[in-house]
Amino acid sequence: MAAVIIADQVSKLVVRSSIPRGSWIKVGEKLWGDFLQIGHLENTGAAFSLSLPNPLWNKAFFIGTSVLAVIFILWLLSRATHKIQVVAFGLVLGGAIGNNLIDRPILGAVTDFISFDIPDLIRGMERFPVFNIADSAIFIAMCLLIVDMIFLSGKKAPKPLPNPEINLSDKEQ
């Protein structure tokens, strides 16, 4: 969780301080063209820039929802049965705190900066929606939880091997 929050906040600070809002830098342009771009976008909405009609409502809704989500994730974390769940819940917490409990209250928006081209993958969408490290952490966490549900859920954690204690007095008899 802490690693996600730190990486997310440091990367956003670098973007805000070095790239003017609305500007984009093509990464590896000679090799990949405009496949990957790093830019500076302030998002007052949710994922894919979905939002409520009023910026104040957005801020209150996303902060409130995040507080409830953090409480729920902490509860789930207390009931985790596998290490993969612990890692996934930590990633979700880091992403939720980074985006909605740091950025929104302080800046009023979330800084997004990673953009890549998905030619013809989704009809009418030329590029994948812009995102950040916190978004990536939440996505990775969801993938881990899906793996957990499919392959690990319902299976008990392996029992530790018994530690055979040799009692010399029993062998001597």
N, C-alpha and C. Protein backbone atom coordinates (compact mmCIF):
# COMPACT_ATOMS: atom_id res chain seq x y z
N MET A 1 0.82 -1.19 0.00
CA MET A 1 0.00 0.00 0.00
C MET A 1 0.87 1.26 0.00
N ALA A 2 1.83 1.29 0.89
CA ALA A 2 2.70 2.47 0.99
C ALA A 2 3.49 2.68 -0.30
N ALA A 3 3.98 1.59 -0.88
CA ALA A 3 4.76 1.71 -2.12
C ALA A 3 3.90 2.29 -3.25
N VAL A 4 2.65 1.88 -3.33
CA VAL A 4 1.75 2.41 -4.36
C VAL A 4 1.51 3.90 -4.12
N ILE A 5 1.22 4.27 -2.90
CA ILE A 5 0.96 5.69 -2.59
C ILE A 5 2.19 6.54 -2.92
N ILE A 6 3.36 6.09 -2.52
CA ILE A 6 4.58 6.87 -2.78
C ILE A 6 4.86 6.96 -4.27
N ALA A 7 4.84 5.83 -4.97
CA ALA A 7 5.11 5.85 -6.42
C ALA A 7 4.08 6.70 -7.15
N ASP A 8 2.82 6.59 -6.76
CA ASP A 8 1.75 7.36 -7.39
C ASP A 8 1.95 8.87 -7.17
N GLN A 9 2.17 9.25 -5.94
CA GLN A 9 2.29 10.67 -5.63
C GLN A 9 3.56 11.29 -6.21
N VAL A 10 4.67 10.56 -6.17
CA VAL A 10 5.92 11.08 -6.74
C VAL A 10 5.77 11.24 -8.25
N SER A 11 5.21 10.24 -8.92
CA SER A 11 5.06 10.33 -10.38
C SER A 11 4.14 11.49 -10.77
N LYS A 12 3.08 11.69 -10.01
CA LYS A 12 2.16 12.81 -10.31
C LYS A 12 2.83 14.16 -10.05
N LEU A 13 3.64 14.24 -9.01
CA LEU A 13 4.38 15.47 -8.72
C LEU A 13 5.34 15.79 -9.86
N VAL A 14 6.04 14.79 -10.36
CA VAL A 14 6.97 14.98 -11.47
C VAL A 14 6.20 15.46 -12.70
N VAL A 15 5.07 14.84 -13.00
CA VAL A 15 4.27 15.23 -14.17
C VAL A 15 3.78 16.67 -14.01
N ARG A 16 3.20 16.98 -12.85
CA ARG A 16 2.66 18.34 -12.64
C ARG A 16 3.74 19.40 -12.71
N SER A 17 4.96 19.07 -12.28
CA SER A 17 6.02 20.08 -12.25
C SER A 17 6.80 20.18 -13.56
N SER A 18 6.70 19.16 -14.42
CA SER A 18 7.54 19.19 -15.62
C SER A 18 6.79 19.18 -16.95
N ILE A 19 5.50 18.87 -16.94
CA ILE A 19 4.73 18.84 -18.19
C ILE A 19 3.55 19.79 -18.05
N PRO A 20 3.45 20.78 -18.92
CA PRO A 20 2.30 21.68 -18.86
C PRO A 20 0.99 20.92 -19.07
N ARG A 21 -0.05 21.34 -18.36
CA ARG A 21 -1.36 20.69 -18.48
C ARG A 21 -1.79 20.65 -19.95
N GLY A 22 -2.21 19.48 -20.39
CA GLY A 22 -2.66 19.30 -21.77
C GLY A 22 -1.56 18.94 -22.75
N SER A 23 -0.30 18.94 -22.31
CA SER A 23 0.83 18.60 -23.19
C SER A 23 1.14 17.12 -23.10
N TRP A 24 1.74 16.59 -24.18
CA TRP A 24 2.07 15.17 -24.25
C TRP A 24 3.47 14.96 -24.81
N ILE A 25 4.15 13.94 -24.29
CA ILE A 25 5.48 13.55 -24.76
C ILE A 25 5.37 12.12 -25.29
N LYS A 26 5.83 11.92 -26.52
CA LYS A 26 5.82 10.57 -27.10
C LYS A 26 7.04 9.82 -26.59
N VAL A 27 6.81 8.64 -26.01
CA VAL A 27 7.89 7.82 -25.46
C VAL A 27 8.28 6.78 -26.50
N GLY A 28 9.57 6.73 -26.86
CA GLY A 28 10.04 5.77 -27.84
C GLY A 28 9.45 5.99 -29.22
N GLU A 29 9.31 7.25 -29.60
CA GLU A 29 8.66 7.60 -30.86
C GLU A 29 9.30 6.93 -32.07
N LYS A 30 10.63 6.83 -32.07
CA LYS A 30 11.32 6.22 -33.23
C LYS A 30 10.98 4.74 -33.36
N LEU A 31 10.78 4.06 -32.24
CA LEU A 31 10.45 2.63 -32.27
C LEU A 31 8.95 2.37 -32.41
N TRP A 32 8.14 3.11 -31.66
CA TRP A 32 6.72 2.78 -31.55
C TRP A 32 5.78 3.87 -32.07
N GLY A 33 6.31 4.95 -32.58
CA GLY A 33 5.43 6.05 -33.01
C GLY A 33 4.78 6.70 -31.80
N ASP A 34 3.46 6.86 -31.85
CA ASP A 34 2.78 7.50 -30.71
C ASP A 34 2.05 6.47 -29.84
N PHE A 35 2.51 5.20 -29.86
CA PHE A 35 1.87 4.15 -29.05
C PHE A 35 1.78 4.53 -27.58
N LEU A 36 2.88 5.00 -26.99
CA LEU A 36 2.91 5.36 -25.58
C LEU A 36 3.23 6.85 -25.44
N GLN A 37 2.39 7.53 -24.66
CA GLN A 37 2.60 8.95 -24.40
C GLN A 37 2.46 9.23 -22.90
N ILE A 38 3.27 10.16 -22.43
CA ILE A 38 3.17 10.65 -21.06
C ILE A 38 2.73 12.10 -21.16
N GLY A 39 1.69 12.43 -20.45
CA GLY A 39 1.16 13.79 -20.53
C GLY A 39 0.66 14.27 -19.19
N HIS A 40 -0.12 15.33 -19.23
CA HIS A 40 -0.63 15.93 -18.00
C HIS A 40 -2.11 16.24 -18.20
N LEU A 41 -2.95 15.48 -17.52
CA LEU A 41 -4.39 15.65 -17.59
C LEU A 41 -4.95 15.67 -16.18
N GLU A 42 -5.81 16.63 -15.88
CA GLU A 42 -6.47 16.69 -14.57
C GLU A 42 -7.89 16.17 -14.74
N ASN A 43 -8.21 15.10 -14.02
CA ASN A 43 -9.49 14.42 -14.14
C ASN A 43 -10.33 14.66 -12.88
N THR A 44 -11.46 15.35 -13.04
CA THR A 44 -12.34 15.57 -11.89
C THR A 44 -13.38 14.47 -11.77
N GLY A 45 -13.43 13.59 -12.75
CA GLY A 45 -14.39 12.49 -12.74
C GLY A 45 -13.77 11.20 -12.24
N ALA A 46 -14.42 10.12 -12.61
CA ALA A 46 -13.96 8.79 -12.22
C ALA A 46 -13.17 8.18 -13.37
N ALA A 47 -13.04 6.87 -13.33
CA ALA A 47 -12.37 6.16 -14.42
C ALA A 47 -13.04 6.52 -15.74
N PHE A 48 -12.24 6.67 -16.76
CA PHE A 48 -12.72 7.03 -18.10
C PHE A 48 -13.40 8.40 -18.11
N SER A 49 -13.06 9.24 -17.12
CA SER A 49 -13.57 10.60 -16.99
C SER A 49 -15.09 10.67 -16.80
N LEU A 50 -15.70 9.61 -16.29
CA LEU A 50 -17.13 9.64 -15.97
C LEU A 50 -17.30 10.54 -14.75
N SER A 51 -18.36 11.35 -14.74
CA SER A 51 -18.52 12.24 -13.60
C SER A 51 -19.96 12.68 -13.42
N LEU A 52 -20.22 13.27 -12.27
CA LEU A 52 -21.51 13.89 -11.97
C LEU A 52 -21.50 15.29 -12.55
N PRO A 53 -22.68 15.92 -12.70
CA PRO A 53 -22.72 17.22 -13.37
C PRO A 53 -22.07 18.38 -12.62
N ASN A 54 -21.84 18.25 -11.34
CA ASN A 54 -21.30 19.34 -10.54
C ASN A 54 -19.96 18.93 -9.94
N PRO A 55 -18.88 19.72 -10.12
CA PRO A 55 -17.56 19.35 -9.58
C PRO A 55 -17.55 19.13 -8.06
N LEU A 56 -18.35 19.91 -7.32
CA LEU A 56 -18.41 19.74 -5.87
C LEU A 56 -19.05 18.40 -5.52
N TRP A 57 -20.09 18.02 -6.25
CA TRP A 57 -20.72 16.71 -6.03
C TRP A 57 -19.73 15.60 -6.32
N ASN A 58 -18.96 15.76 -7.42
CA ASN A 58 -17.94 14.77 -7.76
C ASN A 58 -16.98 14.57 -6.60
N LYS A 59 -16.44 15.68 -6.11
CA LYS A 59 -15.44 15.62 -5.05
C LYS A 59 -16.02 14.92 -3.81
N ALA A 60 -17.20 15.35 -3.38
CA ALA A 60 -17.83 14.77 -2.19
C ALA A 60 -18.15 13.29 -2.40
N PHE A 61 -18.69 12.97 -3.56
CA PHE A 61 -19.06 11.59 -3.85
C PHE A 61 -17.84 10.67 -3.85
N PHE A 62 -16.78 11.07 -4.55
CA PHE A 62 -15.62 10.20 -4.67
C PHE A 62 -14.84 10.09 -3.36
N ILE A 63 -14.78 11.16 -2.59
CA ILE A 63 -14.11 11.08 -1.29
C ILE A 63 -14.93 10.19 -0.35
N GLY A 64 -16.24 10.42 -0.29
CA GLY A 64 -17.11 9.60 0.57
C GLY A 64 -17.08 8.13 0.20
N THR A 65 -17.18 7.86 -1.08
CA THR A 65 -17.15 6.48 -1.56
C THR A 65 -15.80 5.83 -1.22
N SER A 66 -14.74 6.58 -1.36
CA SER A 66 -13.40 6.04 -1.06
C SER A 66 -13.23 5.73 0.42
N VAL A 67 -13.77 6.58 1.28
CA VAL A 67 -13.68 6.31 2.72
C VAL A 67 -14.41 5.01 3.04
N LEU A 68 -15.61 4.84 2.48
CA LEU A 68 -16.36 3.60 2.69
C LEU A 68 -15.61 2.39 2.11
N ALA A 69 -15.02 2.57 0.93
CA ALA A 69 -14.27 1.49 0.30
C ALA A 69 -13.05 1.11 1.14
N VAL A 70 -12.34 2.09 1.68
CA VAL A 70 -11.17 1.81 2.52
C VAL A 70 -11.60 1.02 3.75
N ILE A 71 -12.69 1.41 4.37
CA ILE A 71 -13.18 0.68 5.56
C ILE A 71 -13.54 -0.76 5.17
N PHE A 72 -14.22 -0.92 4.05
CA PHE A 72 -14.61 -2.25 3.58
C PHE A 72 -13.37 -3.10 3.25
N ILE A 73 -12.40 -2.52 2.57
CA ILE A 73 -11.19 -3.26 2.20
C ILE A 73 -10.41 -3.65 3.46
N LEU A 74 -10.36 -2.78 4.45
CA LEU A 74 -9.69 -3.13 5.71
C LEU A 74 -10.39 -4.30 6.38
N TRP A 75 -11.71 -4.33 6.32
CA TRP A 75 -12.48 -5.46 6.87
C TRP A 75 -12.16 -6.74 6.09
N LEU A 76 -12.15 -6.64 4.74
CA LEU A 76 -11.79 -7.80 3.93
C LEU A 76 -10.37 -8.27 4.23
N LEU A 77 -9.48 -7.31 4.41
CA LEU A 77 -8.08 -7.63 4.70
C LEU A 77 -7.97 -8.42 6.00
N SER A 78 -8.79 -8.08 6.98
CA SER A 78 -8.75 -8.81 8.25
C SER A 78 -9.23 -10.25 8.09
N ARG A 79 -9.91 -10.54 7.00
CA ARG A 79 -10.42 -11.89 6.75
C ARG A 79 -9.68 -12.60 5.60
N ALA A 80 -8.59 -12.03 5.15
CA ALA A 80 -7.84 -12.61 4.04
C ALA A 80 -7.32 -13.99 4.43
N THR A 81 -7.39 -14.91 3.46
CA THR A 81 -6.96 -16.28 3.72
C THR A 81 -5.69 -16.66 2.95
N HIS A 82 -5.31 -15.83 1.98
CA HIS A 82 -4.10 -16.11 1.19
C HIS A 82 -3.28 -14.84 1.05
N LYS A 83 -1.98 -15.01 0.84
CA LYS A 83 -1.10 -13.86 0.65
C LYS A 83 -1.48 -13.04 -0.57
N ILE A 84 -2.01 -13.70 -1.61
CA ILE A 84 -2.40 -12.98 -2.82
C ILE A 84 -3.51 -11.97 -2.50
N GLN A 85 -4.40 -12.32 -1.57
CA GLN A 85 -5.45 -11.41 -1.16
C GLN A 85 -4.88 -10.20 -0.40
N VAL A 86 -3.92 -10.47 0.45
CA VAL A 86 -3.28 -9.39 1.21
C VAL A 86 -2.62 -8.40 0.26
N VAL A 87 -1.89 -8.92 -0.73
CA VAL A 87 -1.23 -8.06 -1.72
C VAL A 87 -2.27 -7.27 -2.50
N ALA A 88 -3.33 -7.96 -2.97
CA ALA A 88 -4.36 -7.29 -3.76
C ALA A 88 -5.05 -6.19 -2.96
N PHE A 89 -5.41 -6.47 -1.72
CA PHE A 89 -6.08 -5.46 -0.91
C PHE A 89 -5.15 -4.28 -0.62
N GLY A 90 -3.87 -4.55 -0.45
CA GLY A 90 -2.89 -3.47 -0.28
C GLY A 90 -2.81 -2.58 -1.51
N LEU A 91 -2.84 -3.20 -2.71
CA LEU A 91 -2.83 -2.42 -3.95
C LEU A 91 -4.09 -1.57 -4.09
N VAL A 92 -5.23 -2.13 -3.75
CA VAL A 92 -6.49 -1.37 -3.82
C VAL A 92 -6.45 -0.20 -2.85
N LEU A 93 -6.00 -0.46 -1.63
CA LEU A 93 -5.92 0.62 -0.63
C LEU A 93 -4.98 1.73 -1.11
N GLY A 94 -3.81 1.35 -1.60
CA GLY A 94 -2.87 2.35 -2.10
C GLY A 94 -3.46 3.17 -3.24
N GLY A 95 -4.14 2.52 -4.17
CA GLY A 95 -4.75 3.23 -5.29
C GLY A 95 -5.88 4.14 -4.85
N ALA A 96 -6.74 3.66 -3.98
CA ALA A 96 -7.87 4.47 -3.51
C ALA A 96 -7.40 5.67 -2.70
N ILE A 97 -6.42 5.44 -1.83
CA ILE A 97 -5.91 6.54 -1.02
C ILE A 97 -5.18 7.55 -1.90
N GLY A 98 -4.35 7.06 -2.82
CA GLY A 98 -3.60 7.97 -3.70
C GLY A 98 -4.48 8.84 -4.56
N ASN A 99 -5.50 8.26 -5.17
CA ASN A 99 -6.36 9.02 -6.07
C ASN A 99 -7.42 9.84 -5.34
N ASN A 100 -8.15 9.21 -4.45
CA ASN A 100 -9.35 9.85 -3.92
C ASN A 100 -9.23 10.43 -2.52
N LEU A 101 -8.22 10.05 -1.77
CA LEU A 101 -8.08 10.62 -0.43
C LEU A 101 -6.88 11.54 -0.29
N ILE A 102 -6.06 11.63 -1.35
CA ILE A 102 -4.97 12.61 -1.37
C ILE A 102 -5.25 13.64 -2.47
N ASP A 103 -5.35 13.18 -3.71
CA ASP A 103 -5.50 14.10 -4.84
C ASP A 103 -6.78 14.93 -4.79
N ARG A 104 -7.91 14.29 -4.61
CA ARG A 104 -9.18 15.04 -4.66
C ARG A 104 -9.32 16.09 -3.56
N PRO A 105 -9.05 15.75 -2.29
CA PRO A 105 -9.20 16.79 -1.27
C PRO A 105 -8.20 17.93 -1.43
N ILE A 106 -6.96 17.63 -1.85
CA ILE A 106 -5.93 18.65 -1.93
C ILE A 106 -5.99 19.42 -3.24
N LEU A 107 -6.11 18.68 -4.36
CA LEU A 107 -6.05 19.32 -5.69
C LEU A 107 -7.42 19.50 -6.34
N GLY A 108 -8.41 18.77 -5.87
CA GLY A 108 -9.74 18.84 -6.48
C GLY A 108 -9.87 17.97 -7.72
N ALA A 109 -8.81 17.30 -8.11
CA ALA A 109 -8.82 16.45 -9.30
C ALA A 109 -7.69 15.43 -9.17
N VAL A 110 -7.77 14.40 -10.00
CA VAL A 110 -6.74 13.37 -10.05
C VAL A 110 -5.86 13.64 -11.28
N THR A 111 -4.56 13.57 -11.10
CA THR A 111 -3.63 13.76 -12.21
C THR A 111 -3.44 12.43 -12.93
N ASP A 112 -3.84 12.38 -14.20
CA ASP A 112 -3.63 11.21 -15.05
C ASP A 112 -2.56 11.56 -16.07
N PHE A 113 -1.75 10.56 -16.47
CA PHE A 113 -0.64 10.92 -17.36
C PHE A 113 -0.18 9.82 -18.31
N ILE A 114 -0.67 8.60 -18.20
CA ILE A 114 -0.22 7.52 -19.08
C ILE A 114 -1.29 7.28 -20.14
N SER A 115 -0.85 7.30 -21.40
CA SER A 115 -1.78 7.08 -22.50
C SER A 115 -1.14 6.16 -23.52
N PHE A 116 -1.90 5.17 -23.98
CA PHE A 116 -1.37 4.33 -25.06
C PHE A 116 -2.44 4.06 -26.10
N ASP A 117 -1.96 3.80 -27.30
CA ASP A 117 -2.80 3.60 -28.47
C ASP A 117 -3.32 2.17 -28.49
N ILE A 118 -4.59 2.02 -28.77
CA ILE A 118 -5.18 0.69 -28.94
C ILE A 118 -5.92 0.66 -30.28
N PRO A 119 -5.17 0.66 -31.36
CA PRO A 119 -5.81 0.79 -32.67
C PRO A 119 -6.83 -0.32 -32.93
N ASP A 120 -8.06 0.13 -33.18
CA ASP A 120 -9.16 -0.76 -33.56
C ASP A 120 -9.49 -1.84 -32.54
N LEU A 121 -8.99 -1.72 -31.31
CA LEU A 121 -9.32 -2.71 -30.29
C LEU A 121 -10.78 -2.53 -29.85
N ILE A 122 -11.17 -1.30 -29.64
CA ILE A 122 -12.55 -0.98 -29.27
C ILE A 122 -13.05 0.02 -30.30
N ARG A 123 -14.14 -0.29 -30.94
CA ARG A 123 -14.67 0.56 -32.01
C ARG A 123 -14.92 1.98 -31.52
N GLY A 124 -14.38 2.94 -32.26
CA GLY A 124 -14.58 4.35 -31.93
C GLY A 124 -13.61 4.90 -30.90
N MET A 125 -12.75 4.05 -30.34
CA MET A 125 -11.80 4.50 -29.33
C MET A 125 -10.40 4.38 -29.92
N GLU A 126 -9.78 5.53 -30.17
CA GLU A 126 -8.45 5.53 -30.77
C GLU A 126 -7.36 5.23 -29.75
N ARG A 127 -7.53 5.73 -28.53
CA ARG A 127 -6.54 5.52 -27.47
C ARG A 127 -7.25 5.01 -26.23
N PHE A 128 -6.52 4.26 -25.43
CA PHE A 128 -7.05 3.81 -24.15
C PHE A 128 -7.20 5.03 -23.25
N PRO A 129 -8.22 5.08 -22.38
CA PRO A 129 -8.34 6.24 -21.49
C PRO A 129 -7.08 6.47 -20.65
N VAL A 130 -6.76 7.72 -20.43
CA VAL A 130 -5.55 8.11 -19.69
C VAL A 130 -5.69 7.66 -18.24
N PHE A 131 -4.57 7.17 -17.66
CA PHE A 131 -4.60 6.65 -16.30
C PHE A 131 -3.30 6.99 -15.58
N ASN A 132 -3.18 6.52 -14.33
CA ASN A 132 -1.99 6.78 -13.51
C ASN A 132 -1.59 5.52 -12.75
N ILE A 133 -0.62 5.61 -11.89
CA ILE A 133 -0.11 4.45 -11.16
C ILE A 133 -1.15 3.90 -10.19
N ALA A 134 -1.91 4.77 -9.53
CA ALA A 134 -2.95 4.30 -8.61
C ALA A 134 -3.99 3.48 -9.37
N ASP A 135 -4.39 3.95 -10.55
CA ASP A 135 -5.34 3.20 -11.38
C ASP A 135 -4.76 1.83 -11.74
N SER A 136 -3.49 1.81 -12.11
CA SER A 136 -2.82 0.55 -12.48
C SER A 136 -2.80 -0.41 -11.30
N ALA A 137 -2.53 0.10 -10.11
CA ALA A 137 -2.49 -0.75 -8.92
C ALA A 137 -3.85 -1.39 -8.66
N ILE A 138 -4.91 -0.62 -8.83
CA ILE A 138 -6.26 -1.16 -8.63
C ILE A 138 -6.57 -2.22 -9.69
N PHE A 139 -6.18 -1.97 -10.93
CA PHE A 139 -6.40 -2.95 -12.00
C PHE A 139 -5.64 -4.25 -11.71
N ILE A 140 -4.39 -4.14 -11.32
CA ILE A 140 -3.58 -5.32 -11.01
C ILE A 140 -4.20 -6.08 -9.83
N ALA A 141 -4.68 -5.34 -8.84
CA ALA A 141 -5.34 -5.97 -7.68
C ALA A 141 -6.57 -6.76 -8.11
N MET A 142 -7.36 -6.19 -9.01
CA MET A 142 -8.55 -6.90 -9.47
C MET A 142 -8.17 -8.18 -10.21
N CYS A 143 -7.10 -8.13 -11.00
CA CYS A 143 -6.62 -9.33 -11.69
C CYS A 143 -6.17 -10.39 -10.68
N LEU A 144 -5.46 -9.97 -9.64
CA LEU A 144 -5.02 -10.91 -8.60
C LEU A 144 -6.22 -11.53 -7.87
N LEU A 145 -7.24 -10.72 -7.60
CA LEU A 145 -8.42 -11.25 -6.92
C LEU A 145 -9.20 -12.22 -7.80
N ILE A 146 -9.20 -11.98 -9.10
CA ILE A 146 -9.85 -12.92 -10.03
C ILE A 146 -9.08 -14.25 -10.02
N VAL A 147 -7.75 -14.17 -10.07
CA VAL A 147 -6.93 -15.39 -9.98
C VAL A 147 -7.21 -16.11 -8.68
N ASP A 148 -7.31 -15.36 -7.60
CA ASP A 148 -7.60 -15.94 -6.29
C ASP A 148 -8.96 -16.64 -6.31
N MET A 149 -9.97 -15.99 -6.87
CA MET A 149 -11.31 -16.59 -6.90
C MET A 149 -11.34 -17.85 -7.74
N ILE A 150 -10.64 -17.86 -8.87
CA ILE A 150 -10.67 -19.01 -9.77
C ILE A 150 -9.83 -20.17 -9.26
N PHE A 151 -8.62 -19.88 -8.79
CA PHE A 151 -7.69 -20.95 -8.47
C PHE A 151 -7.49 -21.24 -6.98
N LEU A 152 -7.71 -20.26 -6.11
CA LEU A 152 -7.38 -20.46 -4.71
C LEU A 152 -8.58 -20.47 -3.77
N SER A 153 -9.62 -19.75 -4.12
CA SER A 153 -10.77 -19.60 -3.24
C SER A 153 -11.37 -20.96 -2.90
N GLY A 154 -11.66 -21.15 -1.66
CA GLY A 154 -12.24 -22.40 -1.21
C GLY A 154 -11.20 -23.45 -0.87
N LYS A 155 -9.98 -23.24 -1.28
CA LYS A 155 -8.92 -24.17 -0.93
C LYS A 155 -8.25 -23.69 0.34
N LYS A 156 -8.03 -24.60 1.23
CA LYS A 156 -7.36 -24.23 2.47
C LYS A 156 -5.89 -24.01 2.21
N ALA A 157 -5.32 -23.11 2.98
CA ALA A 157 -3.87 -22.90 2.89
C ALA A 157 -3.19 -24.19 3.32
N PRO A 158 -2.06 -24.50 2.71
CA PRO A 158 -1.39 -25.76 3.07
C PRO A 158 -1.03 -25.78 4.55
N LYS A 159 -1.24 -26.97 5.13
CA LYS A 159 -0.90 -27.13 6.55
C LYS A 159 0.62 -27.28 6.68
N PRO A 160 1.17 -26.76 7.75
CA PRO A 160 2.61 -26.94 7.94
C PRO A 160 2.92 -28.42 8.18
N LEU A 161 4.06 -28.83 7.72
CA LEU A 161 4.48 -30.21 7.93
C LEU A 161 4.68 -30.46 9.42
N PRO A 162 4.30 -31.65 9.86
CA PRO A 162 4.49 -31.93 11.29
C PRO A 162 5.97 -31.94 11.63
N ASN A 163 6.26 -31.50 12.82
CA ASN A 163 7.64 -31.47 13.30
C ASN A 163 7.84 -32.69 14.19
N PRO A 164 8.37 -33.74 13.62
CA PRO A 164 8.51 -34.97 14.43
C PRO A 164 9.54 -34.76 15.54
N GLU A 165 9.06 -34.93 16.71
CA GLU A 165 9.97 -34.84 17.86
C GLU A 165 10.33 -36.26 18.28
N ILE A 166 11.56 -36.52 18.35
CA ILE A 166 12.01 -37.85 18.73
C ILE A 166 12.17 -37.88 20.24
N ASN A 167 11.44 -38.76 20.81
CA ASN A 167 11.52 -38.92 22.26
C ASN A 167 12.36 -40.17 22.53
N LEU A 168 13.56 -39.94 22.97
CA LEU A 168 14.48 -41.05 23.18
C LEU A 168 13.97 -42.05 24.19
N SER A 169 13.20 -41.59 25.15
CA SER A 169 12.73 -42.51 26.17
C SER A 169 11.74 -43.51 25.57
N ASP A 170 10.98 -43.10 24.50
CA ASP A 170 10.06 -44.03 23.85
C ASP A 170 10.81 -45.07 23.05
N LYS A 171 11.93 -44.70 22.39
CA LYS A 171 12.68 -45.63 21.57
C LYS A 171 13.46 -46.62 22.42
N GLU A 172 13.81 -46.22 23.59
CA GLU A 172 14.60 -47.12 24.43
C GLU A 172 13.75 -48.25 24.99
N GLN A 173 12.44 -48.08 24.99
CA GLN A 173 11.58 -49.11 25.59
C GLN A 173 11.31 -50.22 24.68
